[in-house]
């Protein structure tokens, strides 16, 4: 089964990253996401001068059937407080970026559709990278035209 690994970060305009109240809120998000998908954690050394006690880096291991549930969890968690944001990181070849969802736009149906489309497109891109190009003499794959 195809899986996509997407690093996720939550930020707050109200709390410091190592504030116990904020860490508790982030744990709630991760607990809910963990009911939808597998989570991988990666402990990092942190930045010089940063306070300790934070959470490890988390990567969502997403299967296509879990996308709607992930979007619902993120939307619901963001709507509990206006100061929250969720960042989904991506990397394709040498290009990389971050999709940021905030409370200001999380209830927007267009944004919700965009997040779902973004995740589904990552699966399509990953599938295309995994498919080897047919060599001369190979039979055409399903959906390929024969000319």
N, C-alpha and C. Protein backbone atom coordinates (compact mmCIF):
# COMPACT_ATOMS: atom_id res chain seq x y z
N UNK A 1 0.84 -1.17 0.00
CA UNK A 1 0.00 0.00 0.00
C UNK A 1 0.89 1.24 0.00
N UNK A 2 0.52 2.19 -0.83
CA UNK A 2 1.29 3.43 -0.94
C UNK A 2 1.10 4.28 0.31
N UNK A 3 2.20 4.80 0.82
CA UNK A 3 2.18 5.66 2.01
C UNK A 3 2.95 6.94 1.71
N UNK A 4 2.49 8.01 2.32
CA UNK A 4 3.13 9.30 2.16
C UNK A 4 3.58 9.77 3.54
N UNK A 5 4.82 10.23 3.65
CA UNK A 5 5.36 10.72 4.92
C UNK A 5 5.37 12.25 4.89
N UNK A 6 4.55 12.85 5.77
CA UNK A 6 4.39 14.30 5.79
C UNK A 6 4.71 14.84 7.18
N UNK A 7 5.82 15.57 7.32
CA UNK A 7 6.10 16.20 8.61
C UNK A 7 5.02 17.23 8.95
N UNK A 8 4.63 17.28 10.21
CA UNK A 8 3.60 18.20 10.66
C UNK A 8 4.11 18.97 11.87
N UNK A 9 3.79 20.28 11.92
CA UNK A 9 4.15 21.11 13.05
C UNK A 9 2.93 21.94 13.43
N UNK A 10 2.76 22.18 14.70
CA UNK A 10 1.71 23.06 15.19
C UNK A 10 2.37 24.25 15.87
N UNK A 11 1.83 25.44 15.61
CA UNK A 11 2.37 26.65 16.23
C UNK A 11 1.25 27.47 16.84
N UNK A 12 1.62 28.37 17.73
CA UNK A 12 0.66 29.23 18.42
C UNK A 12 1.17 30.66 18.45
N UNK A 13 0.26 31.59 18.25
CA UNK A 13 0.60 33.01 18.39
C UNK A 13 0.56 33.42 19.86
N UNK A 14 -0.03 32.60 20.70
CA UNK A 14 -0.26 32.94 22.11
C UNK A 14 0.79 32.35 23.05
N UNK A 15 1.19 31.10 22.79
CA UNK A 15 2.07 30.38 23.71
C UNK A 15 3.47 30.22 23.13
N UNK A 16 4.47 30.17 24.02
CA UNK A 16 5.81 29.79 23.61
C UNK A 16 5.79 28.31 23.25
N UNK A 17 6.72 27.90 22.41
CA UNK A 17 6.75 26.52 21.94
C UNK A 17 6.93 25.51 23.06
N UNK A 18 7.57 25.91 24.17
CA UNK A 18 7.81 24.96 25.26
C UNK A 18 6.87 25.17 26.45
N UNK A 19 5.83 26.00 26.29
CA UNK A 19 4.85 26.23 27.36
C UNK A 19 4.05 24.95 27.60
N UNK A 20 3.94 24.53 28.85
CA UNK A 20 3.25 23.27 29.18
C UNK A 20 1.81 23.26 28.69
N UNK A 21 1.14 24.41 28.75
CA UNK A 21 -0.25 24.48 28.27
C UNK A 21 -0.31 24.23 26.77
N UNK A 22 0.65 24.79 26.03
CA UNK A 22 0.69 24.59 24.59
C UNK A 22 1.04 23.14 24.25
N UNK A 23 2.02 22.58 24.93
CA UNK A 23 2.41 21.19 24.67
C UNK A 23 1.23 20.25 24.90
N UNK A 24 0.42 20.54 25.90
CA UNK A 24 -0.77 19.74 26.16
C UNK A 24 -1.75 19.81 24.99
N UNK A 25 -1.91 20.99 24.42
CA UNK A 25 -2.81 21.16 23.28
C UNK A 25 -2.29 20.42 22.05
N UNK A 26 -0.98 20.48 21.84
CA UNK A 26 -0.39 19.79 20.70
C UNK A 26 -0.52 18.27 20.88
N UNK A 27 -0.34 17.79 22.11
CA UNK A 27 -0.52 16.35 22.36
C UNK A 27 -1.93 15.90 22.02
N UNK A 28 -2.92 16.75 22.29
CA UNK A 28 -4.31 16.41 21.93
C UNK A 28 -4.45 16.26 20.42
N UNK A 29 -3.84 17.18 19.67
CA UNK A 29 -3.86 17.08 18.20
C UNK A 29 -3.22 15.78 17.75
N UNK A 30 -2.04 15.48 18.29
CA UNK A 30 -1.32 14.28 17.87
C UNK A 30 -2.07 13.01 18.27
N UNK A 31 -2.72 13.01 19.43
CA UNK A 31 -3.53 11.86 19.83
C UNK A 31 -4.65 11.62 18.84
N UNK A 32 -5.33 12.70 18.44
CA UNK A 32 -6.44 12.56 17.48
C UNK A 32 -5.92 12.11 16.11
N UNK A 33 -4.81 12.69 15.67
CA UNK A 33 -4.23 12.27 14.39
C UNK A 33 -3.79 10.81 14.44
N UNK A 34 -3.29 10.40 15.60
CA UNK A 34 -2.85 9.01 15.77
C UNK A 34 -3.99 8.01 15.66
N UNK A 35 -5.22 8.46 15.84
CA UNK A 35 -6.38 7.59 15.63
C UNK A 35 -6.69 7.42 14.15
N UNK A 36 -6.19 8.35 13.33
CA UNK A 36 -6.45 8.33 11.89
C UNK A 36 -5.32 7.70 11.08
N UNK A 37 -4.08 7.98 11.50
CA UNK A 37 -2.90 7.52 10.75
C UNK A 37 -1.79 7.12 11.71
N UNK A 38 -0.81 6.43 11.17
CA UNK A 38 0.39 6.10 11.93
C UNK A 38 1.23 7.37 12.07
N UNK A 39 1.81 7.57 13.25
CA UNK A 39 2.71 8.70 13.49
C UNK A 39 4.12 8.17 13.71
N UNK A 40 5.09 8.85 13.14
CA UNK A 40 6.49 8.56 13.41
C UNK A 40 7.04 9.74 14.17
N UNK A 41 7.84 9.49 15.17
CA UNK A 41 8.47 10.59 15.90
C UNK A 41 9.96 10.56 15.67
N UNK A 42 10.51 11.74 15.62
CA UNK A 42 11.95 11.90 15.43
C UNK A 42 12.43 12.93 16.44
N UNK A 43 13.22 12.47 17.39
CA UNK A 43 13.76 13.38 18.38
C UNK A 43 14.95 14.11 17.78
N UNK A 44 14.94 15.43 17.93
CA UNK A 44 16.04 16.23 17.41
C UNK A 44 16.74 16.93 18.57
N UNK A 45 17.93 17.34 18.31
CA UNK A 45 18.72 18.00 19.35
C UNK A 45 18.20 19.39 19.65
N UNK A 46 17.45 19.98 18.74
CA UNK A 46 16.92 21.32 18.97
C UNK A 46 17.91 22.38 18.52
N UNK A 47 17.45 23.60 18.53
CA UNK A 47 18.28 24.71 18.11
C UNK A 47 19.10 25.22 19.29
N UNK A 48 20.29 25.73 19.03
CA UNK A 48 21.08 26.29 20.12
C UNK A 48 20.31 27.41 20.81
N UNK A 49 20.30 27.39 22.14
CA UNK A 49 19.61 28.41 22.90
C UNK A 49 18.14 28.15 23.11
N UNK A 50 17.58 27.11 22.45
CA UNK A 50 16.16 26.81 22.61
C UNK A 50 15.94 26.11 23.94
N UNK A 51 14.77 26.34 24.52
CA UNK A 51 14.43 25.70 25.78
C UNK A 51 14.09 24.24 25.52
N UNK A 52 14.40 23.37 26.48
CA UNK A 52 14.11 21.95 26.30
C UNK A 52 12.70 21.65 26.79
N UNK A 53 12.29 20.41 26.67
CA UNK A 53 10.98 20.01 27.15
C UNK A 53 9.93 19.97 26.06
N UNK A 54 10.31 20.26 24.83
CA UNK A 54 9.35 20.25 23.73
C UNK A 54 9.03 18.85 23.26
N UNK A 55 8.17 18.78 22.27
CA UNK A 55 7.77 17.50 21.70
C UNK A 55 8.73 17.13 20.57
N UNK A 56 8.82 15.84 20.27
CA UNK A 56 9.66 15.43 19.14
C UNK A 56 9.02 15.86 17.82
N UNK A 57 9.81 15.86 16.75
CA UNK A 57 9.26 16.10 15.42
C UNK A 57 8.35 14.93 15.09
N UNK A 58 7.23 15.23 14.44
CA UNK A 58 6.25 14.19 14.12
C UNK A 58 6.02 14.17 12.61
N UNK A 59 5.94 12.95 12.08
CA UNK A 59 5.67 12.73 10.67
C UNK A 59 4.40 11.89 10.57
N UNK A 60 3.44 12.36 9.77
CA UNK A 60 2.24 11.58 9.51
C UNK A 60 2.57 10.56 8.43
N UNK A 61 2.20 9.32 8.64
CA UNK A 61 2.36 8.28 7.62
C UNK A 61 0.96 8.07 7.06
N UNK A 62 0.70 8.68 5.91
CA UNK A 62 -0.65 8.79 5.39
C UNK A 62 -0.90 7.77 4.29
N UNK A 63 -2.06 7.13 4.36
CA UNK A 63 -2.57 6.30 3.27
C UNK A 63 -3.75 7.07 2.67
N UNK A 64 -4.03 6.87 1.39
CA UNK A 64 -5.08 7.67 0.74
C UNK A 64 -6.43 7.64 1.45
N UNK A 65 -6.80 6.52 2.02
CA UNK A 65 -8.11 6.41 2.66
C UNK A 65 -8.24 7.24 3.94
N UNK A 66 -7.15 7.75 4.46
CA UNK A 66 -7.17 8.52 5.72
C UNK A 66 -7.23 10.03 5.51
N UNK A 67 -7.19 10.50 4.29
CA UNK A 67 -7.07 11.94 4.03
C UNK A 67 -8.23 12.73 4.62
N UNK A 68 -9.45 12.30 4.38
CA UNK A 68 -10.62 13.05 4.89
C UNK A 68 -10.59 13.13 6.42
N UNK A 69 -10.21 12.05 7.08
CA UNK A 69 -10.13 12.05 8.54
C UNK A 69 -9.07 12.99 9.06
N UNK A 70 -7.92 13.04 8.39
CA UNK A 70 -6.84 13.94 8.79
C UNK A 70 -7.30 15.39 8.67
N UNK A 71 -7.92 15.72 7.56
CA UNK A 71 -8.41 17.09 7.35
C UNK A 71 -9.42 17.46 8.43
N UNK A 72 -10.32 16.55 8.78
CA UNK A 72 -11.34 16.83 9.80
C UNK A 72 -10.69 17.06 11.17
N UNK A 73 -9.70 16.24 11.52
CA UNK A 73 -9.02 16.40 12.81
C UNK A 73 -8.32 17.76 12.88
N UNK A 74 -7.58 18.12 11.84
CA UNK A 74 -6.87 19.39 11.83
C UNK A 74 -7.86 20.55 11.91
N UNK A 75 -8.91 20.50 11.10
CA UNK A 75 -9.92 21.57 11.11
C UNK A 75 -10.54 21.73 12.50
N UNK A 76 -10.96 20.63 13.10
CA UNK A 76 -11.60 20.68 14.42
C UNK A 76 -10.64 21.21 15.48
N UNK A 77 -9.39 20.77 15.44
CA UNK A 77 -8.41 21.21 16.44
C UNK A 77 -8.14 22.70 16.30
N UNK A 78 -8.01 23.19 15.07
CA UNK A 78 -7.75 24.60 14.85
C UNK A 78 -8.90 25.47 15.32
N UNK A 79 -10.11 25.00 15.18
CA UNK A 79 -11.28 25.81 15.52
C UNK A 79 -11.46 25.99 17.03
N UNK A 80 -10.71 25.27 17.83
CA UNK A 80 -10.80 25.42 19.28
C UNK A 80 -10.11 26.68 19.80
N UNK A 81 -9.24 27.28 19.01
CA UNK A 81 -8.53 28.48 19.44
C UNK A 81 -8.02 29.24 18.21
N UNK A 82 -8.20 30.53 18.21
CA UNK A 82 -7.84 31.35 17.05
C UNK A 82 -6.34 31.56 16.87
N UNK A 83 -5.55 31.18 17.85
CA UNK A 83 -4.11 31.46 17.77
C UNK A 83 -3.29 30.29 17.22
N UNK A 84 -3.95 29.25 16.75
CA UNK A 84 -3.25 28.03 16.31
C UNK A 84 -3.02 28.01 14.80
N UNK A 85 -1.95 27.31 14.41
CA UNK A 85 -1.66 27.03 13.01
C UNK A 85 -1.08 25.62 12.90
N UNK A 86 -1.32 24.97 11.77
CA UNK A 86 -0.74 23.66 11.49
C UNK A 86 0.03 23.79 10.18
N UNK A 87 1.25 23.26 10.17
CA UNK A 87 2.12 23.34 8.99
C UNK A 87 2.43 21.92 8.52
N UNK A 88 2.13 21.65 7.24
CA UNK A 88 2.45 20.37 6.62
C UNK A 88 3.57 20.62 5.63
N UNK A 89 4.70 19.96 5.82
CA UNK A 89 5.88 20.18 4.98
C UNK A 89 5.90 19.18 3.82
N UNK A 90 6.46 19.59 2.71
CA UNK A 90 6.60 18.72 1.56
C UNK A 90 7.93 18.96 0.88
N UNK A 91 8.34 17.92 0.17
CA UNK A 91 9.59 17.98 -0.58
C UNK A 91 9.43 17.09 -1.81
N UNK A 92 9.72 17.66 -2.97
CA UNK A 92 9.68 16.90 -4.22
C UNK A 92 10.94 17.26 -5.00
N UNK A 93 11.84 16.30 -5.10
CA UNK A 93 13.10 16.58 -5.76
C UNK A 93 13.82 17.69 -5.01
N UNK A 94 14.18 18.75 -5.73
CA UNK A 94 14.88 19.86 -5.09
C UNK A 94 13.90 20.93 -4.58
N UNK A 95 12.62 20.79 -4.90
CA UNK A 95 11.62 21.76 -4.44
C UNK A 95 11.07 21.34 -3.07
N UNK A 96 10.81 22.32 -2.23
CA UNK A 96 10.22 22.04 -0.94
C UNK A 96 9.35 23.21 -0.52
N UNK A 97 8.44 22.96 0.38
CA UNK A 97 7.56 24.02 0.83
C UNK A 97 6.74 23.57 2.03
N UNK A 98 5.85 24.46 2.44
CA UNK A 98 5.00 24.20 3.59
C UNK A 98 3.59 24.67 3.28
N UNK A 99 2.63 23.82 3.56
CA UNK A 99 1.23 24.19 3.49
C UNK A 99 0.82 24.56 4.91
N UNK A 100 0.36 25.80 5.11
CA UNK A 100 -0.03 26.28 6.44
C UNK A 100 -1.53 26.46 6.50
N UNK A 101 -2.13 25.88 7.53
CA UNK A 101 -3.56 26.01 7.77
C UNK A 101 -3.74 26.72 9.10
N UNK A 102 -4.55 27.77 9.11
CA UNK A 102 -4.77 28.54 10.33
C UNK A 102 -6.25 28.55 10.69
N UNK A 103 -6.57 29.05 11.86
CA UNK A 103 -7.96 29.14 12.28
C UNK A 103 -8.72 30.14 11.42
N UNK A 104 -8.02 31.07 10.83
CA UNK A 104 -8.69 32.08 10.00
C UNK A 104 -9.22 31.48 8.70
N UNK A 105 -8.65 30.36 8.27
CA UNK A 105 -9.10 29.79 7.00
C UNK A 105 -9.49 28.31 7.10
N UNK A 106 -9.49 27.73 8.30
CA UNK A 106 -9.74 26.30 8.41
C UNK A 106 -11.19 25.92 8.20
N UNK A 107 -12.14 26.87 8.38
CA UNK A 107 -13.53 26.52 8.17
C UNK A 107 -13.98 26.81 6.74
N UNK A 108 -13.10 27.31 5.93
CA UNK A 108 -13.40 27.63 4.55
C UNK A 108 -13.42 26.33 3.74
N UNK A 109 -14.56 26.05 3.11
CA UNK A 109 -14.70 24.81 2.33
C UNK A 109 -13.68 24.73 1.20
N UNK A 110 -13.34 25.87 0.63
CA UNK A 110 -12.34 25.87 -0.45
C UNK A 110 -10.98 25.44 0.09
N UNK A 111 -10.61 25.95 1.28
CA UNK A 111 -9.33 25.55 1.85
C UNK A 111 -9.33 24.07 2.19
N UNK A 112 -10.43 23.59 2.77
CA UNK A 112 -10.51 22.17 3.10
C UNK A 112 -10.33 21.33 1.85
N UNK A 113 -10.99 21.72 0.77
CA UNK A 113 -10.83 21.00 -0.49
C UNK A 113 -9.39 21.10 -0.98
N UNK A 114 -8.76 22.27 -0.76
CA UNK A 114 -7.37 22.45 -1.20
C UNK A 114 -6.43 21.53 -0.45
N UNK A 115 -6.62 21.39 0.87
CA UNK A 115 -5.76 20.51 1.66
C UNK A 115 -5.93 19.07 1.17
N UNK A 116 -7.17 18.65 0.97
CA UNK A 116 -7.40 17.29 0.47
C UNK A 116 -6.76 17.11 -0.90
N UNK A 117 -6.94 18.10 -1.78
CA UNK A 117 -6.34 18.02 -3.12
C UNK A 117 -4.82 17.96 -3.02
N UNK A 118 -4.23 18.79 -2.14
CA UNK A 118 -2.78 18.81 -1.98
C UNK A 118 -2.26 17.43 -1.55
N UNK A 119 -2.92 16.83 -0.55
CA UNK A 119 -2.48 15.51 -0.09
C UNK A 119 -2.65 14.46 -1.18
N UNK A 120 -3.79 14.49 -1.88
CA UNK A 120 -4.02 13.51 -2.95
C UNK A 120 -3.01 13.69 -4.08
N UNK A 121 -2.65 14.93 -4.39
CA UNK A 121 -1.67 15.16 -5.46
C UNK A 121 -0.29 14.66 -5.05
N UNK A 122 0.06 14.71 -3.76
CA UNK A 122 1.32 14.15 -3.30
C UNK A 122 1.35 12.65 -3.58
N UNK A 123 0.21 11.98 -3.40
CA UNK A 123 0.15 10.55 -3.70
C UNK A 123 0.34 10.29 -5.19
N UNK A 124 -0.30 11.09 -6.03
CA UNK A 124 -0.14 10.90 -7.47
C UNK A 124 1.31 11.10 -7.87
N UNK A 125 1.95 12.17 -7.34
CA UNK A 125 3.35 12.43 -7.68
C UNK A 125 4.25 11.30 -7.21
N UNK A 126 3.99 10.78 -6.01
CA UNK A 126 4.80 9.67 -5.49
C UNK A 126 4.61 8.42 -6.32
N UNK A 127 3.38 8.16 -6.76
CA UNK A 127 3.11 6.98 -7.57
C UNK A 127 3.81 7.08 -8.91
N UNK A 128 3.82 8.27 -9.50
CA UNK A 128 4.49 8.45 -10.79
C UNK A 128 5.99 8.25 -10.67
N UNK A 129 6.59 8.66 -9.55
CA UNK A 129 8.02 8.46 -9.35
C UNK A 129 8.36 7.00 -9.20
N UNK A 130 7.44 6.21 -8.61
CA UNK A 130 7.70 4.79 -8.35
C UNK A 130 7.50 3.94 -9.60
N UNK A 131 6.68 4.39 -10.57
CA UNK A 131 6.41 3.61 -11.77
C UNK A 131 7.59 3.69 -12.72
N UNK A 132 8.17 2.55 -13.05
CA UNK A 132 9.26 2.59 -14.03
C UNK A 132 8.70 2.83 -15.42
N UNK A 133 9.45 3.53 -16.23
CA UNK A 133 9.01 3.77 -17.61
C UNK A 133 9.08 2.46 -18.37
N UNK A 134 8.04 2.17 -19.20
CA UNK A 134 8.08 0.93 -19.97
C UNK A 134 9.22 0.96 -20.98
N UNK A 135 9.86 -0.18 -21.13
CA UNK A 135 10.93 -0.28 -22.12
C UNK A 135 10.34 -0.87 -23.38
N UNK A 136 11.06 -0.70 -24.47
CA UNK A 136 10.57 -1.22 -25.75
C UNK A 136 10.38 -2.72 -25.62
N UNK A 137 9.22 -3.21 -26.04
CA UNK A 137 8.92 -4.62 -25.96
C UNK A 137 8.08 -4.97 -24.74
N UNK A 138 8.00 -4.07 -23.74
CA UNK A 138 7.12 -4.31 -22.59
C UNK A 138 5.68 -4.11 -23.02
N UNK A 139 4.76 -4.92 -22.52
CA UNK A 139 3.36 -4.70 -22.84
C UNK A 139 2.88 -3.39 -22.21
N UNK A 140 1.91 -2.70 -22.84
CA UNK A 140 1.43 -1.44 -22.26
C UNK A 140 0.72 -1.69 -20.94
N UNK A 141 0.86 -0.73 -20.03
CA UNK A 141 0.17 -0.82 -18.73
C UNK A 141 -1.30 -0.48 -18.93
N UNK A 142 -2.13 -0.88 -17.98
CA UNK A 142 -3.55 -0.54 -18.05
C UNK A 142 -3.71 0.95 -18.25
N UNK A 143 -4.58 1.32 -19.16
CA UNK A 143 -4.83 2.74 -19.41
C UNK A 143 -3.91 3.32 -20.46
N UNK A 144 -2.81 2.65 -20.81
CA UNK A 144 -1.94 3.14 -21.87
C UNK A 144 -2.57 2.79 -23.20
N UNK A 145 -2.44 3.67 -24.15
CA UNK A 145 -3.00 3.38 -25.47
C UNK A 145 -1.99 2.60 -26.30
N UNK A 146 -2.53 1.79 -27.17
CA UNK A 146 -1.68 1.01 -28.06
C UNK A 146 -1.78 1.65 -29.43
N UNK A 147 -0.65 2.01 -30.03
CA UNK A 147 -0.72 2.78 -31.26
C UNK A 147 -0.05 2.16 -32.39
